[in-house]
Amino acid sequence: MQKRMTWYEAVADCEKRGEPYVLVTVLGVTGSVPREPASKMVVTGEHSHDTIGGGHLEYRIIARARERLAARDYTYEMCHFPLGASLGQCCGGSVAVLMEGHAGGDGRLVVFGAGHVAKSLITIMGELPWQITWVDSRAESFPAELPANVKRHHTDDPVGDAAALCEDAHVVILTHNHQLDFDLCRVLLEAGRAASIGLIGSDTKAERFRQRLAHRGFTDEAITQIRCPVGRSDVPGKRPMEVAVSISAELLSIASPSTDKPMRRGLSWSNLKNLMIETPATAPAASKTED
């Protein structure tokens, strides 16, 4: 059973686990309404926490928030809802809300294999705000306890599951089987939806895989999407933790957002003015404090 949380507990929980969410805040109200300004709730893909008043208003907002999450739209949106017949609520007032999308983490990562290097990698990445899926066919290879942002995916068909699991995710292949490694690379290149693909191995393994993939009809451009050996070449060492540090450093450099920010960010002033016109302040003193 899902634990009931306040909105601020839910925000902390989502950030800890790297789960995307939408924070909904009541900006302004007129007339009779279920909740007052500054009331908040959190919406995730599966759950909602706290409330901005319930009823069809909340139902509509949850549905809209989940549309944004499904589209990975983590921008801002302001909405105005008259609480009349269209919402099936008889309060008679109106509510303006702000929906803030949050990605929850810095990136998505899928790790294939639960050997020594993978365990070390999970130890590091489990301390960072990433959403991680850990895949292996051997249930006994997973530790009993996992970091909050790591989901175990035990499957007897990792190759069959790979395309769907890895869409828009960074992938690191660290399995115990070279043929499985090759089949994962093949399927991921065919799908073409992974954010990046890293493969553990030597230069000799990398060359053999390049030849086999070329024989399968993959172009040089496609094959070069696979980073093998995976990890930063300037981070030395062959111990599992040293290799994991190298891979983590590479993932962080690949996934880091661009430092070039657009001039205009967040909500525009015109949007704010339009919303204030639609939902004027009820108390003259409120507008005076904004001067």
Protein backbone atom coordinates (compact mmCIF):
# COMPACT_ATOMS: atom_id res chain seq x y z
CA MET A 1 0.00 0.00 0.00
CA GLN A 2 1.34 3.43 -1.00
CA LYS A 3 2.31 5.56 1.99
CA ARG A 4 0.31 8.78 2.29
CA MET A 5 2.67 11.76 2.20
CA THR A 6 2.42 15.51 2.43
CA TRP A 7 3.49 17.39 -0.67
CA TYR A 8 6.89 18.27 0.78
CA GLU A 9 7.52 14.66 1.86
CA ALA A 10 6.57 13.57 -1.66
CA VAL A 11 8.98 16.10 -3.23
CA ALA A 12 11.83 14.83 -1.04
CA ASP A 13 10.95 11.22 -1.85
CA CYS A 14 10.82 11.84 -5.62
CA GLU A 15 14.12 13.72 -5.57
CA LYS A 16 15.75 10.92 -3.57
CA ARG A 17 14.56 8.25 -5.99
CA GLY A 18 15.03 10.35 -9.12
CA GLU A 19 11.34 10.02 -10.04
CA PRO A 20 9.76 12.71 -12.25
CA TYR A 21 6.89 14.65 -10.71
CA VAL A 22 4.68 17.71 -11.10
CA LEU A 23 4.28 20.13 -8.22
CA VAL A 24 0.85 21.81 -8.35
CA THR A 25 0.35 25.09 -6.47
CA VAL A 26 -2.82 27.14 -6.08
CA LEU A 27 -1.74 30.65 -7.12
CA GLY A 28 -4.97 32.57 -6.65
CA VAL A 29 -8.67 32.10 -6.07
CA THR A 30 -11.91 34.05 -6.31
CA GLY A 31 -15.14 33.35 -4.47
CA SER A 32 -15.88 30.05 -2.73
CA VAL A 33 -13.19 27.42 -3.37
CA PRO A 34 -12.08 24.09 -1.80
CA ARG A 35 -8.55 25.24 -0.84
CA GLU A 36 -6.75 28.53 -0.37
CA PRO A 37 -3.73 29.98 -2.22
CA ALA A 38 -0.39 28.20 -1.58
CA SER A 39 -2.13 24.80 -1.23
CA LYS A 40 -0.03 22.21 -3.01
CA MET A 41 -0.03 18.62 -4.24
CA VAL A 42 2.47 16.35 -6.00
CA VAL A 43 1.60 14.17 -8.98
CA THR A 44 3.75 11.28 -10.24
CA GLY A 45 3.11 8.76 -12.98
CA GLU A 46 1.29 6.44 -10.58
CA HIS A 47 0.39 8.37 -7.44
CA SER A 48 -0.72 11.73 -6.11
CA HIS A 49 0.12 13.19 -2.71
CA ASP A 50 -1.67 15.86 -0.68
CA THR A 51 -4.60 17.76 -2.20
CA ILE A 52 -5.70 21.06 -3.67
CA GLY A 53 -9.35 20.38 -2.94
CA GLY A 54 -10.42 17.11 -4.53
CA GLY A 55 -13.35 16.69 -6.90
CA HIS A 56 -13.28 17.02 -10.67
CA LEU A 57 -10.86 19.96 -10.49
CA GLU A 58 -8.21 17.77 -8.92
CA TYR A 59 -9.02 14.92 -11.32
CA ARG A 60 -8.49 17.22 -14.32
CA ILE A 61 -5.23 18.58 -12.95
CA ILE A 62 -3.86 15.10 -12.18
CA ALA A 63 -4.73 13.97 -15.70
CA ARG A 64 -3.02 17.03 -17.20
CA ALA A 65 0.06 16.56 -15.02
CA ARG A 66 0.39 12.94 -16.14
CA GLU A 67 0.11 13.96 -19.77
CA ARG A 68 3.07 16.25 -19.21
CA LEU A 69 5.04 13.51 -17.43
CA ALA A 70 4.33 11.04 -20.24
CA ALA A 71 5.63 13.60 -22.74
CA ARG A 72 8.65 14.32 -20.49
CA ASP A 73 7.60 17.96 -20.44
CA TYR A 74 9.22 19.46 -17.35
CA THR A 75 8.40 23.09 -18.03
CA TYR A 76 5.86 25.36 -16.30
CA GLU A 77 2.19 25.79 -17.06
CA MET A 78 -0.47 28.05 -15.57
CA CYS A 79 -4.14 27.11 -15.76
CA HIS A 80 -7.38 28.82 -14.79
CA PHE A 81 -10.44 26.77 -13.74
CA PRO A 82 -13.92 28.25 -13.13
CA LEU A 83 -15.60 25.94 -10.62
CA GLY A 84 -18.91 25.77 -12.43
CA ALA A 85 -20.95 23.20 -14.28
CA SER A 86 -18.07 22.22 -16.59
CA LEU A 87 -16.16 20.81 -13.62
CA GLY A 88 -19.21 19.49 -11.83
CA GLN A 89 -18.37 21.58 -8.75
CA CYS A 90 -20.87 23.99 -7.26
CA CYS A 91 -18.46 26.20 -5.31
CA GLY A 92 -18.99 29.01 -7.79
CA GLY A 93 -15.49 30.46 -7.54
CA SER A 94 -12.40 30.00 -9.68
CA VAL A 95 -8.90 28.69 -9.15
CA ALA A 96 -5.59 29.52 -10.85
CA VAL A 97 -2.84 26.94 -10.49
CA LEU A 98 0.80 26.60 -11.43
CA MET A 99 2.09 23.21 -12.59
CA GLU A 100 5.87 22.82 -12.26
CA GLY A 101 7.36 19.79 -13.98
CA HIS A 102 10.50 18.27 -12.45
CA ALA A 103 12.59 15.61 -14.12
CA GLY A 104 13.40 14.23 -10.67
CA GLY A 105 16.92 13.20 -11.63
CA ASP A 106 19.87 14.06 -13.82
CA GLY A 107 19.31 11.14 -16.18
CA ARG A 108 18.07 7.60 -16.74
CA LEU A 109 20.45 4.67 -16.66
CA VAL A 110 19.99 0.99 -17.53
CA VAL A 111 22.72 -1.38 -16.35
CA PHE A 112 22.85 -4.90 -17.81
CA GLY A 113 24.70 -7.40 -15.63
CA ALA A 114 25.03 -7.78 -11.88
CA GLY A 115 28.69 -8.70 -11.53
CA HIS A 116 31.46 -7.02 -9.54
CA VAL A 117 31.83 -3.93 -11.73
CA ALA A 118 28.06 -3.45 -11.92
CA LYS A 119 27.74 -3.67 -8.13
CA SER A 120 30.44 -1.03 -7.74
CA LEU A 121 28.78 1.16 -10.37
CA ILE A 122 25.43 0.92 -8.56
CA THR A 123 27.16 1.88 -5.30
CA ILE A 124 28.30 5.14 -6.92
CA MET A 125 25.32 5.97 -9.11
CA GLY A 126 22.93 5.02 -6.32
CA GLU A 127 24.14 8.12 -4.47
CA LEU A 128 23.26 10.40 -7.40
CA PRO A 129 19.84 11.65 -8.57
CA TRP A 130 19.53 9.24 -11.49
CA GLN A 131 16.72 6.80 -12.27
CA ILE A 132 18.43 3.42 -12.57
CA THR A 133 17.14 0.08 -13.85
CA TRP A 134 19.41 -2.88 -13.07
CA VAL A 135 18.89 -5.90 -15.32
CA ASP A 136 20.05 -9.51 -14.94
CA SER A 137 18.69 -13.02 -15.53
CA ARG A 138 20.23 -14.30 -12.28
CA ALA A 139 18.04 -13.32 -9.33
CA GLU A 140 20.66 -14.42 -6.82
CA SER A 141 23.16 -11.91 -8.23
CA PHE A 142 21.27 -8.88 -6.94
CA PRO A 143 22.03 -7.58 -3.42
CA ALA A 144 19.25 -7.90 -0.87
CA GLU A 145 19.00 -4.11 -0.51
CA LEU A 146 19.20 -1.53 -3.27
CA PRO A 147 19.51 2.26 -3.23
CA ALA A 148 16.19 4.11 -3.37
CA ASN A 149 16.73 5.20 -6.99
CA VAL A 150 17.48 1.68 -8.31
CA LYS A 151 14.84 -0.72 -9.65
CA ARG A 152 15.68 -4.40 -10.00
CA HIS A 153 14.59 -5.96 -13.32
CA HIS A 154 14.95 -9.73 -13.14
CA THR A 155 14.17 -11.31 -16.51
CA ASP A 156 14.97 -14.46 -18.47
CA ASP A 157 14.97 -12.40 -21.68
CA PRO A 158 17.11 -9.27 -21.25
CA VAL A 159 17.56 -8.98 -25.01
CA GLY A 160 13.82 -9.03 -25.61
CA ASP A 161 13.24 -6.42 -22.91
CA ALA A 162 16.13 -4.15 -23.91
CA ALA A 163 14.51 -1.88 -26.51
CA ALA A 164 11.59 -0.85 -24.29
CA LEU A 165 13.70 -0.53 -21.13
CA CYS A 166 16.36 1.61 -22.75
CA GLU A 167 14.31 4.20 -24.62
CA ASP A 168 15.87 7.63 -23.95
CA ALA A 169 18.16 6.07 -21.31
CA HIS A 170 21.93 5.79 -21.05
CA VAL A 171 22.93 2.12 -21.21
CA VAL A 172 25.93 0.32 -19.76
CA ILE A 173 26.42 -3.34 -20.71
CA LEU A 174 28.42 -5.28 -18.09
CA THR A 175 27.19 -8.85 -18.42
CA HIS A 176 29.03 -12.15 -17.88
CA ASN A 177 28.44 -13.37 -21.44
CA HIS A 178 30.00 -12.02 -24.66
CA GLN A 179 27.19 -13.34 -26.84
CA LEU A 180 24.63 -11.64 -24.63
CA ASP A 181 26.68 -8.43 -24.86
CA PHE A 182 26.62 -8.67 -28.65
CA ASP A 183 22.89 -9.39 -28.84
CA LEU A 184 22.17 -6.41 -26.57
CA CYS A 185 24.29 -4.12 -28.76
CA ARG A 186 22.55 -5.42 -31.90
CA VAL A 187 19.03 -4.93 -30.52
CA LEU A 188 19.79 -1.46 -29.14
CA LEU A 189 21.29 -0.30 -32.44
CA GLU A 190 18.28 -1.67 -34.31
CA ALA A 191 15.89 0.17 -31.98
CA GLY A 192 17.94 3.37 -32.14
CA ARG A 193 16.27 4.89 -29.09
CA ALA A 194 18.97 4.70 -26.38
CA ALA A 195 20.56 7.98 -25.29
CA SER A 196 24.00 6.31 -25.27
CA ILE A 197 25.48 2.80 -25.19
CA GLY A 198 28.58 1.77 -23.25
CA LEU A 199 30.10 -1.71 -23.41
CA ILE A 200 32.73 -3.15 -21.10
CA GLY A 201 35.62 -4.91 -22.80
CA SER A 202 39.06 -4.63 -24.32
CA ASP A 203 40.11 -3.04 -27.60
CA THR A 204 40.21 -6.57 -29.07
CA LYS A 205 36.59 -7.19 -28.05
CA ALA A 206 35.59 -3.82 -29.48
CA GLU A 207 37.15 -4.64 -32.85
CA ARG A 208 35.51 -8.07 -32.98
CA PHE A 209 32.12 -6.56 -32.21
CA ARG A 210 32.63 -3.89 -34.89
CA GLN A 211 33.35 -6.59 -37.47
CA ARG A 212 30.35 -8.70 -36.44
CA LEU A 213 27.99 -5.72 -36.45
CA ALA A 214 29.28 -4.59 -39.85
CA HIS A 215 28.66 -8.13 -41.15
CA ARG A 216 25.06 -7.74 -39.90
CA GLY A 217 24.68 -4.64 -42.07
CA PHE A 218 25.18 -1.87 -39.52
CA THR A 219 26.93 1.25 -40.82
CA ASP A 220 30.13 2.65 -39.33
CA GLU A 221 28.13 5.62 -38.07
CA ALA A 222 25.77 3.34 -36.16
CA ILE A 223 28.54 1.14 -34.76
CA THR A 224 30.50 4.11 -33.42
CA GLN A 225 27.56 4.89 -31.13
CA ILE A 226 28.83 2.06 -28.91
CA ARG A 227 31.60 3.18 -26.56
CA CYS A 228 33.93 0.25 -26.01
CA PRO A 229 35.95 0.12 -23.82
CA VAL A 230 33.42 2.03 -21.74
CA GLY A 231 34.70 4.63 -19.27
CA ARG A 232 37.16 7.50 -19.24
CA SER A 233 40.59 6.64 -20.60
CA ASP A 234 42.18 9.19 -18.24
CA VAL A 235 40.85 7.36 -15.16
CA PRO A 236 43.21 4.39 -14.68
CA GLY A 237 42.80 1.15 -12.77
CA LYS A 238 41.29 -2.30 -13.29
CA ARG A 239 39.74 -2.99 -9.90
CA PRO A 240 35.92 -3.10 -10.04
CA MET A 241 35.54 0.15 -8.12
CA GLU A 242 38.17 1.89 -10.25
CA VAL A 243 36.40 0.81 -13.43
CA ALA A 244 33.10 1.94 -11.92
CA VAL A 245 34.57 5.37 -11.12
CA SER A 246 35.74 5.65 -14.74
CA ILE A 247 32.29 4.70 -16.09
CA SER A 248 30.52 7.05 -13.68
CA ALA A 249 32.74 9.95 -14.72
CA GLU A 250 31.99 9.27 -18.37
CA LEU A 251 28.23 9.07 -17.74
CA LEU A 252 28.25 12.36 -15.84
CA SER A 253 30.16 14.11 -18.63
CA ILE A 254 27.83 12.73 -21.32
CA ALA A 255 24.63 13.55 -19.47
CA SER A 256 25.60 16.99 -18.20
CA PRO A 257 23.24 19.64 -19.59
CA SER A 258 24.49 22.36 -21.89
CA THR A 259 25.82 25.43 -20.12
CA ASP A 260 24.21 27.64 -22.77
CA LYS A 261 20.88 28.80 -21.35
CA PRO A 262 18.22 30.57 -23.38
CA MET A 263 17.67 34.24 -22.58
CA ARG A 264 14.05 33.63 -21.53
CA ARG A 265 13.39 30.85 -19.04
CA GLY A 266 10.36 29.82 -17.03
CA LEU A 267 7.09 31.77 -17.31
CA SER A 268 6.84 34.92 -19.39
CA TRP A 269 5.58 38.18 -17.92
CA SER A 270 2.75 38.27 -20.51
CA ASN A 271 1.49 34.91 -19.25
CA LEU A 272 1.56 36.15 -15.68
CA LYS A 273 -0.34 39.34 -16.58
CA ASN A 274 -2.98 37.41 -18.49
CA LEU A 275 -3.53 35.07 -15.57
CA MET A 276 -3.84 37.98 -13.15
CA ILE A 277 -6.45 39.57 -15.41
CA GLU A 278 -8.44 36.32 -15.44
CA THR A 279 -8.20 35.93 -11.63
CA PRO A 280 -8.04 39.42 -10.10
CA ALA A 281 -6.97 39.80 -6.50
CA THR A 282 -9.93 39.85 -4.10
CA ALA A 283 -8.32 42.16 -1.59
CA PRO A 284 -6.98 45.62 -2.56
CA ALA A 285 -4.17 45.23 -0.03
CA ALA A 286 -2.83 42.24 -1.94
CA SER A 287 -2.24 44.27 -5.10
CA LYS A 288 -0.60 47.08 -3.15
CA THR A 289 2.04 44.75 -1.77
CA GLU A 290 3.12 43.91 -5.33
CA ASP A 291 3.87 47.51 -6.29
